[in-house]
């Protein structure tokens, strides 16, 4: 099992940037897949970006070119750099990790509003 803690959410104006971080309680190099999902009010949870244990990255079409997922193996963290944010990016952002099954953090709220 993996314990995950997300941080970095907050309020940002449209066009702004924000960086999220996810800390894991075990070596992320041993975790098959980590990533970021989000859930907006009234909508289903959707994948935003994922990264595998060998560093392969995948992005949702809606965030390609704006969001970047990265990992720091020494710190056991996975980050999501978000740029050119729009109100449609408003959601609770979750950091899941697949390690024998999906493990989820409690999420961090991102609100894009003027």
C-alpha atoms as a PDB file:
ATOM      1  CA  UNK A   1       0.000   0.000   0.000  1.00  0.00           C
ATOM      2  CA  UNK A   2       1.102   3.558  -0.713  1.00  0.00           C
ATOM      3  CA  UNK A   3       0.204   6.619   1.330  1.00  0.00           C
ATOM      4  CA  UNK A   4      -0.008   9.758  -0.781  1.00  0.00           C
ATOM      5  CA  UNK A   5      -0.283  13.392   0.232  1.00  0.00           C
ATOM      6  CA  UNK A   6      -1.045  16.104  -2.303  1.00  0.00           C
ATOM      7  CA  UNK A   7      -0.198  19.766  -1.808  1.00  0.00           C
ATOM      8  CA  UNK A   8       0.080  23.006  -3.730  1.00  0.00           C
ATOM      9  CA  UNK A   9      -3.512  23.704  -4.636  1.00  0.00           C
ATOM     10  CA  UNK A  10      -5.075  27.113  -4.338  1.00  0.00           C
ATOM     11  CA  UNK A  11      -6.739  29.990  -6.126  1.00  0.00           C
ATOM     12  CA  UNK A  12      -5.173  31.290  -9.318  1.00  0.00           C
ATOM     13  CA  UNK A  13      -6.303  33.714 -11.974  1.00  0.00           C
ATOM     14  CA  UNK A  14      -6.989  32.587 -15.539  1.00  0.00           C
ATOM     15  CA  UNK A  15      -3.776  32.418 -17.489  1.00  0.00           C
ATOM     16  CA  UNK A  16      -1.779  31.813 -14.355  1.00  0.00           C
ATOM     17  CA  UNK A  17       0.376  28.920 -13.240  1.00  0.00           C
ATOM     18  CA  UNK A  18       0.386  26.546 -10.314  1.00  0.00           C
ATOM     19  CA  UNK A  19       2.484  23.604  -9.226  1.00  0.00           C
ATOM     20  CA  UNK A  20       1.161  20.573  -7.389  1.00  0.00           C
ATOM     21  CA  UNK A  21       3.217  18.053  -5.478  1.00  0.00           C
ATOM     22  CA  UNK A  22       2.499  14.522  -4.318  1.00  0.00           C
ATOM     23  CA  UNK A  23       4.588  12.868  -1.633  1.00  0.00           C
ATOM     24  CA  UNK A  24       4.658   9.081  -1.340  1.00  0.00           C
ATOM     25  CA  UNK A  25       5.647   7.054   1.692  1.00  0.00           C
ATOM     26  CA  UNK A  26       7.675   4.582  -0.323  1.00  0.00           C
ATOM     27  CA  UNK A  27      10.194   4.635  -3.129  1.00  0.00           C
ATOM     28  CA  UNK A  28       8.372   5.830  -6.224  1.00  0.00           C
ATOM     29  CA  UNK A  29      10.848   3.952  -8.398  1.00  0.00           C
ATOM     30  CA  UNK A  30       9.068   0.795  -7.245  1.00  0.00           C
ATOM     31  CA  UNK A  31       5.616   2.098  -8.189  1.00  0.00           C
ATOM     32  CA  UNK A  32       4.314   1.011 -11.591  1.00  0.00           C
ATOM     33  CA  UNK A  33       2.334   4.119 -12.431  1.00  0.00           C
ATOM     34  CA  UNK A  34       1.770   7.465 -10.733  1.00  0.00           C
ATOM     35  CA  UNK A  35      -0.155  10.401 -11.965  1.00  0.00           C
ATOM     36  CA  UNK A  36      -2.670  13.124 -11.529  1.00  0.00           C
ATOM     37  CA  UNK A  37      -6.423  12.903 -11.899  1.00  0.00           C
ATOM     38  CA  UNK A  38      -9.000  15.581 -11.320  1.00  0.00           C
ATOM     39  CA  UNK A  39     -12.684  15.810 -10.533  1.00  0.00           C
ATOM     40  CA  UNK A  40     -14.722  18.915 -11.157  1.00  0.00           C
ATOM     41  CA  UNK A  41     -18.102  19.459  -9.469  1.00  0.00           C
ATOM     42  CA  UNK A  42     -20.760  17.337 -11.118  1.00  0.00           C
ATOM     43  CA  UNK A  43     -18.267  15.577 -13.354  1.00  0.00           C
ATOM     44  CA  UNK A  44     -16.504  12.243 -13.341  1.00  0.00           C
ATOM     45  CA  UNK A  45     -12.928  11.910 -12.246  1.00  0.00           C
ATOM     46  CA  UNK A  46     -10.600  12.098 -15.238  1.00  0.00           C
ATOM     47  CA  UNK A  47      -6.961  11.381 -15.896  1.00  0.00           C
ATOM     48  CA  UNK A  48      -4.775  14.440 -16.368  1.00  0.00           C
ATOM     49  CA  UNK A  49      -1.271  13.017 -16.621  1.00  0.00           C
ATOM     50  CA  UNK A  50       0.528   9.804 -15.750  1.00  0.00           C
ATOM     51  CA  UNK A  51       4.116   8.699 -15.504  1.00  0.00           C
ATOM     52  CA  UNK A  52       5.386   5.123 -15.365  1.00  0.00           C
ATOM     53  CA  UNK A  53       8.260   3.652 -13.393  1.00  0.00           C
ATOM     54  CA  UNK A  54      10.496   4.059 -16.452  1.00  0.00           C
ATOM     55  CA  UNK A  55       9.447   7.651 -16.985  1.00  0.00           C
ATOM     56  CA  UNK A  56       6.960   7.288 -19.817  1.00  0.00           C
ATOM     57  CA  UNK A  57       4.489  10.166 -19.690  1.00  0.00           C
ATOM     58  CA  UNK A  58       0.942  10.467 -20.954  1.00  0.00           C
ATOM     59  CA  UNK A  59      -1.343  13.489 -20.965  1.00  0.00           C
ATOM     60  CA  UNK A  60      -4.986  14.224 -21.505  1.00  0.00           C
ATOM     61  CA  UNK A  61      -5.585  16.137 -24.726  1.00  0.00           C
ATOM     62  CA  UNK A  62      -7.044  19.051 -22.797  1.00  0.00           C
ATOM     63  CA  UNK A  63      -3.778  19.691 -20.936  1.00  0.00           C
ATOM     64  CA  UNK A  64      -1.138  18.819 -23.531  1.00  0.00           C
ATOM     65  CA  UNK A  65       1.328  21.657 -23.914  1.00  0.00           C
ATOM     66  CA  UNK A  66       0.146  23.300 -20.695  1.00  0.00           C
ATOM     67  CA  UNK A  67       0.797  20.739 -17.964  1.00  0.00           C
ATOM     68  CA  UNK A  68       3.995  18.836 -17.219  1.00  0.00           C
ATOM     69  CA  UNK A  69       4.330  15.851 -14.942  1.00  0.00           C
ATOM     70  CA  UNK A  70       7.673  15.082 -13.353  1.00  0.00           C
ATOM     71  CA  UNK A  71       9.079  13.036 -10.536  1.00  0.00           C
ATOM     72  CA  UNK A  72      11.897  13.348  -8.030  1.00  0.00           C
ATOM     73  CA  UNK A  73      12.994   9.836  -7.174  1.00  0.00           C
ATOM     74  CA  UNK A  74      15.283  11.017  -4.380  1.00  0.00           C
ATOM     75  CA  UNK A  75      12.406  12.819  -2.662  1.00  0.00           C
ATOM     76  CA  UNK A  76       9.697  10.295  -3.607  1.00  0.00           C
ATOM     77  CA  UNK A  77       7.543  13.036  -5.063  1.00  0.00           C
ATOM     78  CA  UNK A  78       5.597  13.516  -8.257  1.00  0.00           C
ATOM     79  CA  UNK A  79       4.784  17.031  -9.392  1.00  0.00           C
ATOM     80  CA  UNK A  80       2.406  18.627 -11.844  1.00  0.00           C
ATOM     81  CA  UNK A  81       3.357  21.989 -13.286  1.00  0.00           C
ATOM     82  CA  UNK A  82       0.292  23.712 -14.685  1.00  0.00           C
ATOM     83  CA  UNK A  83       0.412  26.750 -16.953  1.00  0.00           C
ATOM     84  CA  UNK A  84      -2.102  28.867 -18.866  1.00  0.00           C
ATOM     85  CA  UNK A  85      -4.820  27.749 -16.511  1.00  0.00           C
ATOM     86  CA  UNK A  86      -8.465  28.263 -17.419  1.00  0.00           C
ATOM     87  CA  UNK A  87     -11.634  28.063 -15.320  1.00  0.00           C
ATOM     88  CA  UNK A  88     -12.212  24.637 -16.873  1.00  0.00           C
ATOM     89  CA  UNK A  89      -9.166  23.394 -14.952  1.00  0.00           C
ATOM     90  CA  UNK A  90     -10.961  24.034 -11.667  1.00  0.00           C
ATOM     91  CA  UNK A  91     -11.219  20.728  -9.812  1.00  0.00           C
ATOM     92  CA  UNK A  92      -9.950  18.644  -6.957  1.00  0.00           C
ATOM     93  CA  UNK A  93      -6.677  17.139  -8.102  1.00  0.00           C
ATOM     94  CA  UNK A  94      -5.725  13.672  -6.914  1.00  0.00           C
ATOM     95  CA  UNK A  95      -2.457  11.801  -7.052  1.00  0.00           C
ATOM     96  CA  UNK A  96      -2.983   8.068  -7.591  1.00  0.00           C
ATOM     97  CA  UNK A  97      -0.343   5.394  -7.548  1.00  0.00           C
ATOM     98  CA  UNK A  98      -0.658   1.863  -8.901  1.00  0.00           C
ATOM     99  CA  UNK A  99       1.151  -0.570  -6.629  1.00  0.00           C
ATOM    100  CA  UNK A 100      -0.666  -3.862  -6.442  1.00  0.00           C
ATOM    101  CA  UNK A 101      -3.815  -1.812  -6.879  1.00  0.00           C
ATOM    102  CA  UNK A 102      -4.755   1.832  -7.039  1.00  0.00           C
ATOM    103  CA  UNK A 103      -3.946   4.008  -4.062  1.00  0.00           C
ATOM    104  CA  UNK A 104      -5.312   7.547  -3.778  1.00  0.00           C
ATOM    105  CA  UNK A 105      -4.548  10.651  -1.807  1.00  0.00           C
ATOM    106  CA  UNK A 106      -7.189  12.989  -0.397  1.00  0.00           C
ATOM    107  CA  UNK A 107      -6.759  15.554  -3.148  1.00  0.00           C
ATOM    108  CA  UNK A 108      -6.000  19.247  -3.334  1.00  0.00           C
ATOM    109  CA  UNK A 109      -8.368  21.918  -4.595  1.00  0.00           C
ATOM    110  CA  UNK A 110      -7.410  24.034  -7.594  1.00  0.00           C
ATOM    111  CA  UNK A 111      -9.643  26.975  -8.391  1.00  0.00           C
ATOM    112  CA  UNK A 112      -9.095  29.117 -11.462  1.00  0.00           C
ATOM    113  CA  UNK A 113     -11.078  32.305 -11.195  1.00  0.00           C
ATOM    114  CA  UNK A 114     -10.724  36.047 -11.534  1.00  0.00           C
END
